[in-house]
Each structure stands twice: as C-alpha cells, then as structure tokens.
Amino acid sequence: MTFRLRSLTSREEIDFNHTLNYNEWGRSITLEQYLEREIHLGNQPLCANDGVKFWSYEQQDPNTKAWIVVSCCESLTRPAMYKVKGSPVRNTTSISLGAVFTPIEHRGKGYAKDMLDLVMEKLDEEKGAFAQYDQLSPDALEHSFSALWSDVGYYYNKFGYALTENHEITFPVPEVAPAGEDEAAVADKFIEEEDIAAFAEQDTAKFAWDLDAWTEADGTTRVAITPGADVHELTHARVTFLAPLLRPTEHANIHTVHYGAQRDGVTLLWSQDFANNKLNILRVYSEREFAPDSAEETAFLQTLMALLQAAAREARRWNLKKVALWLQDLPGPDDAKPALLKKVSAQIKTDIGYDAAVHERDASWPMVRFWKGQTALAGGSEQVKLVKDGKYAWY
C-alpha cells in the first residue's frame, strides 16, 4: 500500500475533511453550519498566513489510483516566549495540534499513529513545513515546542508529549440566583470586545515578568504560549458564531457580550462554551503579588469570590449550567497553585454556597512536546518546563 501526508490548501479538500469529522465535533449544529464555523474560525487573524494548517493522511487505492483519506488533523502556529537563566525573555514559536480524527471504517489499523509520526517529523524540521520557523534564531528554534489537549489520556506519550497538569474547579450554576448574589457580584468593569487587546498586552507583560523571575530564582528554563489578543479573539470568534445558533433566545436579549470582569486589580477573562454548557474561565490576572496565607492572599480571594459570582451571573444570562476554572490559569508560581486551587474551591463553598469541587479532568489534558522531542537542552543539563498552559491556550 502507498501512503502520503499532505498539507491541504484547497477549500474543497479542507471542507471534505471537516465533513468527515463533523459527527465528532459538530455537536448541536448542522453540517452546513459546522463548515461555515470552520471557515469563520479560519478567517481569524491568528489563522492567516498559514497560521492554521490542515493535514491529510491518505492511502492510494491500488486499482483506481485514487487517494483515500484515512486520518487527518490540524495544527495552529502561535507566538510563544521562553526564558533561560541569565538571558532576557525571548520570543519563539509554538505549534498546537488538534482535531486528530480517523474515519470509523479506517480505525484500528494504526493510521493515526502513522500520520502523527510523519507530523512529528514536520515539527522537527528546521525549514520547510512551517514558515514561522524560518524567522527564528537557532536558540529560539531550539526552544520552540508543540502543545495539545488530549481527549484520549496518555495516547500522545508515544509521540513525545508529556502531561503537565489537569486539575480544575467546577461548580454548578443554579437556575435561580441565590439571595444576595447580585449585590455581591460587583465588578468595577466588564470586559467587552474592545477591551481584549489592552488586557492581553497587560497579561503578556505579566507572563514575561513571571518567567523571568521564576527562572532566575531556580534556573529552570520556562516556555509559554503568549496570551496575545489574537489568541483570545480566536476563542471569542467561536462564541460569536455559535451564540445565535445554540442560544437564539438569549442572544436576541443580550445586547452586550461580556468576556470577563475586573475588580480591585483582579481580572477574570472567560468564554461561553455552548457545546459543553458551561462558562470557562480563561485567565485569572492579579495586579498584586501575594504569598500563601498572607493578608494579600486573603484580599485576593475575597475579590475573586465577587468576580466568580459575576461569572455565575454571566453563565445564567446564557443559560449555561456550570463554571470551570483550570489550575494553570490562576496567578502565582506553579508550586503554589494546587494549594490556592483548594482554597478557592473551599471559599466558593463557604462564601458563595456553590457546590465547588476540585477534580482531574477526563479530557482536555494539556500535553507538551519540545522541539525534536527533547526533555532537556544544552547537552542534557538544561531542564525545560511549559507553564501557564491553561484554558486560554486550548485548541
């Protein structure tokens, strides 16, 4: 049998592959709407200039010589940053994989593995597959990486991907607001579309500051997907497209879409996940640093409770049933986040009365693979860690 891996360029071929995976990811919308959604997302700035690539793994019929799609996937190239001790924070590139799909009739034959083996070869090329690599210095290329969010557990380990962290808080949103919620859920400002760019600039600066401080403190090289405005715009473009289709009544009555809220130096950025019936917190940003069990942490938690009630109210506006917050999107160093997540969950229960719980997700596991599958750089002496790989970066 003869096989090939291709990067698709024609709309017809891309639509064909989306038609194949429609039943997997086209929940609650028609095929026509699903194809329109993918075109809409593909037209976002982050996807332009080959930012998104569509891969097709094909088998040639020995009789007709026709090529048959036996597996497919997508890749999204995004700016990233890295920090090596003793050097400034620098820019690099990240490539995220998604939409890995094999038609039912071709499953169980190893086609997805064969395809991904070839995609890994593309990821490790210095030139050719991804034009963004051509703009990188040798050092920036060495610190490039690939991320994905696995719905099939540890499957991607065999391709060099390692799990980072998959804990989150979820809490149900009751249909009727608890007494006092409207008074408690006070924001200095709600984030609207025109506010995203300013927030992203502020958040990106904080990412760079954190990477610099943490790496200088312990010597571990760190990388992160840059939380630029275009990253958030792609997420919110999905919301904009799906809202009138999946929440027509609410969409007709909600004249201003809120993408987050700010209060006392703390910002929540969120997105409405209609397909999964929840409001996702994308980022929790704090202007002030705080140490565990300090007065500053207590003040942060009090402010966060008010903003989470604002998030619950937003979820209720859209008839969404729960709110979710990933550990990685909390502020502060990684080693302090598990304890902070538990404190947030406990305080949601005591202060708000929602039945919050910390748990490991069974899907959307963040996983990372460094360039050429490295677990260390510089002759094996330099360890590398992906940080802040939260919901904001999900693809």
Protein backbone atom coordinates (compact mmCIF):
# COMPACT_ATOMS: atom_id res chain seq x y z
CA MET A 1 0.00 0.00 0.00
CA THR A 2 1.13 3.56 -0.73
CA PHE A 3 0.50 6.38 1.75
CA ARG A 4 1.19 10.10 1.84
CA LEU A 5 0.86 13.05 4.23
CA ARG A 6 -0.33 16.30 2.67
CA SER A 7 -0.90 19.85 3.85
CA LEU A 8 -4.22 20.86 2.28
CA THR A 9 -4.68 24.17 0.55
CA SER A 10 -7.97 23.98 -1.34
CA ARG A 11 -11.27 24.85 0.31
CA GLU A 12 -12.89 21.75 -1.19
CA GLU A 13 -10.36 19.38 0.39
CA ILE A 14 -10.49 21.12 3.76
CA ASP A 15 -14.30 21.03 3.73
CA PHE A 16 -14.18 17.33 2.85
CA ASN A 17 -12.08 16.53 5.91
CA HIS A 18 -14.36 18.64 8.09
CA THR A 19 -17.30 16.72 6.70
CA LEU A 20 -15.59 13.52 7.83
CA ASN A 21 -15.14 14.75 11.42
CA TYR A 22 -18.46 16.60 11.67
CA ASN A 23 -20.12 13.91 13.82
CA GLU A 24 -17.22 14.15 16.28
CA TRP A 25 -17.07 17.94 16.73
CA GLY A 26 -20.20 19.38 15.14
CA ARG A 27 -22.41 18.95 18.16
CA SER A 28 -25.83 20.61 18.02
CA ILE A 29 -25.32 22.36 14.68
CA THR A 30 -25.93 21.25 11.11
CA LEU A 31 -23.16 20.17 8.77
CA GLU A 32 -23.58 23.36 6.77
CA GLN A 33 -23.27 25.44 9.94
CA TYR A 34 -20.23 23.43 11.03
CA LEU A 35 -18.46 24.08 7.73
CA GLU A 36 -19.36 27.77 7.96
CA ARG A 37 -17.99 27.87 11.52
CA GLU A 38 -14.67 26.39 10.45
CA ILE A 39 -14.38 28.92 7.63
CA HIS A 40 -15.22 31.69 10.12
CA LEU A 41 -12.50 30.50 12.52
CA GLY A 42 -10.04 30.03 9.69
CA ASN A 43 -10.51 33.67 8.72
CA GLN A 44 -9.36 34.96 12.12
CA PRO A 45 -6.03 36.84 12.21
CA LEU A 46 -4.22 34.08 14.11
CA CYS A 47 -5.04 31.60 11.33
CA ALA A 48 -3.93 33.83 8.47
CA ASN A 49 -0.67 33.38 6.54
CA ASP A 50 -0.58 29.62 7.10
CA GLY A 51 -1.15 30.04 10.84
CA VAL A 52 -3.51 27.07 10.67
CA LYS A 53 -2.63 24.04 8.56
CA PHE A 54 -4.84 21.09 7.66
CA TRP A 55 -3.11 17.70 7.37
CA SER A 56 -4.48 14.72 5.48
CA TYR A 57 -3.03 11.22 5.65
CA GLU A 58 -4.07 9.30 2.55
CA GLN A 59 -3.91 5.78 1.15
CA GLN A 60 -3.82 5.11 -2.58
CA ASP A 61 -6.26 2.58 -3.94
CA PRO A 62 -4.11 0.10 -5.93
CA ASN A 63 -6.82 -0.37 -8.53
CA THR A 64 -8.25 3.08 -9.16
CA LYS A 65 -5.13 5.01 -8.01
CA ALA A 66 -7.48 7.35 -6.14
CA TRP A 67 -6.30 8.76 -2.80
CA ILE A 68 -8.49 7.99 0.22
CA VAL A 69 -8.32 10.00 3.48
CA VAL A 70 -7.65 7.54 6.32
CA SER A 71 -6.74 10.08 9.03
CA CYS A 72 -6.44 13.85 9.42
CA CYS A 73 -5.51 16.59 11.88
CA GLU A 74 -4.85 20.32 12.17
CA SER A 75 -2.04 22.48 13.50
CA LEU A 76 -2.09 26.06 14.77
CA THR A 77 1.08 28.15 14.98
CA ARG A 78 1.19 30.77 17.72
CA PRO A 79 3.77 33.12 19.21
CA ALA A 80 5.44 31.88 22.38
CA MET A 81 8.09 33.07 24.81
CA TYR A 82 10.96 31.43 26.65
CA LYS A 83 13.36 32.32 29.41
CA VAL A 84 16.85 30.90 30.05
CA LYS A 85 18.61 31.88 33.28
CA GLY A 86 20.94 34.79 32.72
CA SER A 87 19.25 35.88 29.47
CA PRO A 88 16.20 38.06 28.81
CA VAL A 89 12.81 36.62 27.96
CA ARG A 90 12.77 35.97 24.22
CA ASN A 91 10.20 35.08 21.57
CA THR A 92 9.80 31.71 19.92
CA THR A 93 7.05 29.71 18.19
CA SER A 94 4.59 27.09 19.41
CA ILE A 95 2.62 24.69 17.25
CA SER A 96 -0.53 23.16 18.70
CA LEU A 97 -2.17 20.04 17.30
CA GLY A 98 -5.88 19.39 17.26
CA ALA A 99 -8.78 17.67 15.52
CA VAL A 100 -6.94 14.35 15.19
CA PHE A 101 -9.52 12.13 13.51
CA THR A 102 -9.75 8.74 11.79
CA PRO A 103 -12.98 7.72 10.00
CA ILE A 104 -14.66 4.74 11.66
CA GLU A 105 -14.03 2.40 8.73
CA HIS A 106 -10.27 3.03 8.94
CA ARG A 107 -9.81 2.71 12.70
CA GLY A 108 -7.76 0.02 14.37
CA LYS A 109 -5.14 -0.02 11.60
CA GLY A 110 -2.61 2.38 13.11
CA TYR A 111 -3.25 5.14 10.59
CA ALA A 112 -3.43 7.93 13.19
CA LYS A 113 -0.10 6.81 14.63
CA ASP A 114 1.49 6.69 11.20
CA MET A 115 0.15 10.15 10.42
CA LEU A 116 1.35 11.62 13.69
CA ASP A 117 4.80 10.08 13.26
CA LEU A 118 5.07 12.00 9.99
CA VAL A 119 3.67 15.18 11.56
CA MET A 120 6.32 14.91 14.30
CA GLU A 121 8.96 14.84 11.57
CA LYS A 122 7.46 18.05 10.21
CA LEU A 123 7.51 19.64 13.67
CA ASP A 124 11.21 18.87 13.98
CA GLU A 125 12.26 20.29 10.63
CA GLU A 126 14.32 23.45 10.76
CA LYS A 127 12.94 24.69 7.43
CA GLY A 128 10.07 23.78 5.16
CA ALA A 129 6.84 22.74 6.87
CA PHE A 130 6.30 25.85 8.99
CA ALA A 131 7.36 29.18 7.55
CA GLN A 132 7.39 30.69 11.06
CA TYR A 133 10.49 28.60 11.87
CA ASP A 134 12.45 30.50 9.21
CA GLN A 135 12.22 33.66 11.30
CA LEU A 136 13.69 32.10 14.45
CA SER A 137 17.26 32.23 15.66
CA PRO A 138 18.90 28.84 16.34
CA ASP A 139 18.34 29.36 20.07
CA ALA A 140 14.68 30.32 19.63
CA LEU A 141 14.15 27.31 17.35
CA GLU A 142 15.66 25.02 19.96
CA HIS A 143 13.19 26.39 22.49
CA SER A 144 10.14 26.02 20.24
CA PHE A 145 7.55 23.43 21.26
CA SER A 146 4.25 21.77 20.45
CA ALA A 147 1.20 21.55 22.70
CA LEU A 148 -2.07 19.67 22.50
CA TRP A 149 -5.07 18.96 24.71
CA SER A 150 -5.67 15.23 24.77
CA ASP A 151 -9.12 13.66 24.95
CA VAL A 152 -7.59 10.15 24.85
CA GLY A 153 -5.49 10.10 28.01
CA TYR A 154 -1.82 9.23 27.63
CA TYR A 155 -2.10 8.23 23.95
CA TYR A 156 0.21 11.03 22.81
CA ASN A 157 3.02 9.92 25.12
CA LYS A 158 4.26 7.69 22.30
CA PHE A 159 4.95 10.81 20.20
CA GLY A 160 6.97 12.54 22.90
CA TYR A 161 4.16 14.53 24.57
CA ALA A 162 4.11 14.75 28.37
CA LEU A 163 1.15 15.62 30.59
CA THR A 164 1.50 18.85 32.53
CA GLU A 165 -1.49 19.37 34.87
CA ASN A 166 -5.19 18.57 34.55
CA HIS A 167 -6.85 19.74 37.78
CA GLU A 168 -9.74 22.19 37.75
CA ILE A 169 -12.57 23.62 39.82
CA THR A 170 -16.14 23.32 38.62
CA PHE A 171 -19.32 24.46 40.28
CA PRO A 172 -22.95 24.27 39.14
CA VAL A 173 -24.89 27.44 38.48
CA PRO A 174 -28.43 27.28 39.89
CA GLU A 175 -31.23 28.47 37.61
CA VAL A 176 -32.33 31.00 40.22
CA ALA A 177 -29.70 33.32 41.68
CA PRO A 178 -29.06 32.77 45.39
CA ALA A 179 -30.08 35.59 47.70
CA GLY A 180 -27.51 38.34 47.71
CA GLU A 181 -25.66 37.27 44.56
CA ASP A 182 -26.50 40.42 42.62
CA GLU A 183 -25.22 42.58 45.46
CA ALA A 184 -22.03 40.52 45.85
CA ALA A 185 -21.26 40.13 42.15
CA VAL A 186 -19.99 43.65 41.72
CA ALA A 187 -17.39 44.45 39.07
CA ASP A 188 -15.57 47.73 38.52
CA LYS A 189 -15.80 46.97 34.81
CA PHE A 190 -16.99 44.22 32.49
CA ILE A 191 -14.62 43.20 29.71
CA GLU A 192 -16.07 43.72 26.25
CA GLU A 193 -14.61 43.02 22.83
CA GLU A 194 -12.83 46.38 22.59
CA ASP A 195 -11.07 45.74 25.92
CA ILE A 196 -9.40 42.46 24.92
CA ALA A 197 -6.30 43.98 23.31
CA ALA A 198 -5.41 46.13 26.32
CA PHE A 199 -5.90 43.23 28.72
CA ALA A 200 -3.81 40.91 26.54
CA GLU A 201 -0.95 43.40 26.44
CA GLN A 202 -1.01 43.68 30.23
CA ASP A 203 -1.24 39.92 30.69
CA THR A 204 1.58 39.23 28.23
CA ALA A 205 3.84 41.60 30.16
CA LYS A 206 2.97 39.72 33.36
CA PHE A 207 3.77 36.39 31.68
CA ALA A 208 7.21 37.70 30.74
CA TRP A 209 7.79 39.08 34.23
CA ASP A 210 6.83 35.76 35.83
CA LEU A 211 9.01 33.68 33.52
CA ASP A 212 11.94 35.97 34.20
CA ALA A 213 11.53 35.94 37.99
CA TRP A 214 10.86 32.21 38.34
CA THR A 215 13.71 31.10 36.08
CA GLU A 216 16.23 33.44 37.68
CA ALA A 217 15.18 32.01 41.06
CA ASP A 218 15.56 28.29 40.29
CA GLY A 219 17.41 28.03 36.97
CA THR A 220 14.71 26.03 35.19
CA THR A 221 14.09 27.20 31.64
CA ARG A 222 10.44 28.02 31.05
CA VAL A 223 8.29 28.40 27.94
CA ALA A 224 4.70 29.63 27.49
CA ILE A 225 2.22 30.32 24.72
CA THR A 226 1.92 34.11 24.54
CA PRO A 227 -1.59 35.23 25.61
CA GLY A 228 -1.93 37.80 22.84
CA ALA A 229 -5.17 39.40 21.75
CA ASP A 230 -5.30 37.16 18.67
CA VAL A 231 -5.37 34.06 20.89
CA HIS A 232 -8.43 35.36 22.73
CA GLU A 233 -10.04 36.65 19.54
CA LEU A 234 -10.00 33.14 18.08
CA THR A 235 -11.74 31.78 21.19
CA HIS A 236 -14.34 34.52 21.18
CA ALA A 237 -14.93 34.15 17.44
CA ARG A 238 -16.31 30.70 18.25
CA VAL A 239 -18.66 32.27 20.81
CA THR A 240 -19.81 34.93 18.35
CA PHE A 241 -20.61 32.35 15.69
CA LEU A 242 -22.38 29.82 17.93
CA ALA A 243 -24.40 32.16 20.15
CA PRO A 244 -27.26 32.83 17.70
CA LEU A 245 -27.37 29.15 16.73
CA LEU A 246 -27.25 27.46 20.14
CA ARG A 247 -28.69 30.24 22.33
CA PRO A 248 -31.03 32.14 19.97
CA THR A 249 -33.34 33.49 22.68
CA GLU A 250 -30.53 34.59 24.95
CA HIS A 251 -28.59 36.06 22.02
CA ALA A 252 -31.59 38.13 21.00
CA ASN A 253 -31.95 39.52 24.52
CA ILE A 254 -28.27 40.08 25.36
CA HIS A 255 -27.12 43.22 23.64
CA THR A 256 -23.61 43.37 25.13
CA VAL A 257 -21.48 40.23 25.38
CA HIS A 258 -19.26 40.16 28.45
CA TYR A 259 -15.92 38.39 28.07
CA GLY A 260 -14.81 38.97 31.64
CA ALA A 261 -14.87 41.28 34.63
CA GLN A 262 -12.44 43.38 36.70
CA ARG A 263 -12.44 44.42 40.32
CA ASP A 264 -9.78 45.78 42.70
CA GLY A 265 -6.85 44.83 40.47
CA VAL A 266 -8.11 41.32 39.66
CA THR A 267 -9.40 40.37 36.22
CA LEU A 268 -11.30 37.30 35.07
CA LEU A 269 -11.39 36.58 31.37
CA TRP A 270 -13.97 33.98 30.32
CA SER A 271 -15.70 32.41 27.33
CA GLN A 272 -19.14 30.92 26.82
CA ASP A 273 -18.86 27.22 25.92
CA PHE A 274 -22.27 26.47 24.46
CA ALA A 275 -21.43 22.97 23.22
CA ASN A 276 -20.44 21.83 26.72
CA ASN A 277 -22.98 24.01 28.54
CA LYS A 278 -20.51 25.88 30.75
CA LEU A 279 -18.65 29.14 31.24
CA ASN A 280 -14.88 28.68 31.06
CA ILE A 281 -12.58 30.98 33.00
CA LEU A 282 -9.70 31.68 30.60
CA ARG A 283 -7.41 33.74 32.81
CA VAL A 284 -7.24 34.99 36.39
CA TYR A 285 -5.00 38.06 36.48
CA SER A 286 -3.88 39.84 39.64
CA GLU A 287 -2.02 43.14 39.59
CA ARG A 288 -0.56 42.41 43.02
CA GLU A 289 1.72 39.57 44.07
CA PHE A 290 0.76 37.67 47.21
CA ALA A 291 2.36 35.00 49.37
CA PRO A 292 0.43 31.96 50.65
CA ASP A 293 -1.62 32.63 53.79
CA SER A 294 -0.87 36.36 53.66
CA ALA A 295 -3.27 39.26 54.08
CA GLU A 296 -2.77 39.99 50.38
CA GLU A 297 -3.90 36.45 49.51
CA THR A 298 -6.99 36.88 51.69
CA ALA A 299 -7.83 40.10 49.86
CA PHE A 300 -7.31 38.42 46.50
CA LEU A 301 -9.64 35.55 47.44
CA GLN A 302 -12.36 37.95 48.59
CA THR A 303 -12.17 39.83 45.30
CA LEU A 304 -12.11 36.59 43.33
CA MET A 305 -15.30 35.43 45.05
CA ALA A 306 -17.14 38.54 43.84
CA LEU A 307 -15.84 38.04 40.31
CA LEU A 308 -16.80 34.35 40.31
CA GLN A 309 -20.31 35.37 41.27
CA ALA A 310 -20.23 37.78 38.33
CA ALA A 311 -19.13 34.81 36.19
CA ALA A 312 -22.02 32.74 37.53
CA ARG A 313 -24.41 35.55 36.70
CA GLU A 314 -22.98 35.66 33.18
CA ALA A 315 -23.43 31.89 32.87
CA ARG A 316 -27.03 32.27 33.95
CA ARG A 317 -27.59 35.01 31.35
CA TRP A 318 -26.66 32.45 28.67
CA ASN A 319 -28.41 29.51 30.36
CA LEU A 320 -25.10 27.73 30.99
CA LYS A 321 -25.10 25.19 33.81
CA LYS A 322 -21.65 25.44 35.37
CA VAL A 323 -18.41 27.40 35.66
CA ALA A 324 -14.97 25.85 35.21
CA LEU A 325 -11.54 27.15 36.24
CA TRP A 326 -8.28 25.37 35.34
CA LEU A 327 -5.43 25.37 37.82
CA GLN A 328 -2.93 26.80 35.29
CA ASP A 329 -4.96 29.97 34.85
CA LEU A 330 -4.59 31.02 38.49
CA PRO A 331 -1.94 33.63 39.29
CA GLY A 332 1.29 32.81 41.07
CA PRO A 333 4.07 30.19 40.76
CA ASP A 334 3.22 26.62 39.83
CA ASP A 335 4.21 25.11 43.16
CA ALA A 336 1.71 27.35 44.98
CA LYS A 337 -1.22 26.79 42.63
CA PRO A 338 -2.51 23.40 43.92
CA ALA A 339 -2.95 24.82 47.42
CA LEU A 340 -4.50 28.00 46.03
CA LEU A 341 -6.94 25.98 43.93
CA LYS A 342 -8.13 24.15 47.05
CA LYS A 343 -8.54 27.43 48.93
CA VAL A 344 -10.58 28.89 46.07
CA SER A 345 -12.82 25.81 46.00
CA ALA A 346 -13.35 25.86 49.76
CA GLN A 347 -14.13 29.57 49.79
CA ILE A 348 -16.63 29.21 46.95
CA LYS A 349 -18.49 26.74 49.15
CA THR A 350 -18.35 28.79 52.35
CA ASP A 351 -18.72 32.33 50.97
CA ILE A 352 -20.99 31.78 47.97
CA GLY A 353 -22.68 28.48 48.73
CA TYR A 354 -22.00 26.84 45.37
CA ASP A 355 -21.03 23.17 45.41
CA ALA A 356 -17.50 23.64 44.09
CA ALA A 357 -15.18 20.67 43.64
CA VAL A 358 -11.56 20.16 42.62
CA HIS A 359 -11.04 17.21 40.30
CA GLU A 360 -8.92 15.84 37.49
CA ARG A 361 -10.45 16.23 34.06
CA ASP A 362 -11.02 13.11 31.98
CA ALA A 363 -10.46 15.11 28.77
CA SER A 364 -8.52 18.16 27.55
CA TRP A 365 -5.30 17.03 29.18
CA PRO A 366 -2.60 19.66 28.46
CA MET A 367 0.47 17.97 26.97
CA VAL A 368 3.75 19.36 25.64
CA ARG A 369 6.46 18.13 23.30
CA PHE A 370 9.67 20.11 22.94
CA TRP A 371 11.45 20.52 19.64
CA LYS A 372 12.88 17.20 18.41
CA GLY A 373 11.30 15.51 21.42
CA GLN A 374 13.86 16.88 23.85
CA THR A 375 13.26 16.69 27.58
CA ALA A 376 16.39 18.75 28.22
CA LEU A 377 18.54 21.13 26.24
CA ALA A 378 22.18 22.27 26.26
CA GLY A 379 23.69 18.80 26.39
CA GLY A 380 21.14 17.49 28.84
CA SER A 381 21.87 19.98 31.61
CA GLU A 382 19.09 22.47 30.99
CA GLN A 383 15.62 21.34 32.04
CA VAL A 384 12.62 22.91 30.31
CA LYS A 385 9.11 23.43 31.63
CA LEU A 386 5.91 24.60 29.93
CA VAL A 387 3.98 26.94 32.24
CA LYS A 388 0.63 28.73 32.12
CA ASP A 389 -0.78 26.18 29.65
CA GLY A 390 -4.32 26.87 30.71
CA LYS A 391 -7.70 27.16 29.08
CA TYR A 392 -6.78 30.44 27.36
CA ALA A 393 -4.48 28.47 25.03
CA TRP A 394 -6.76 25.48 24.39
CA TYR A 395 -7.01 24.42 20.76
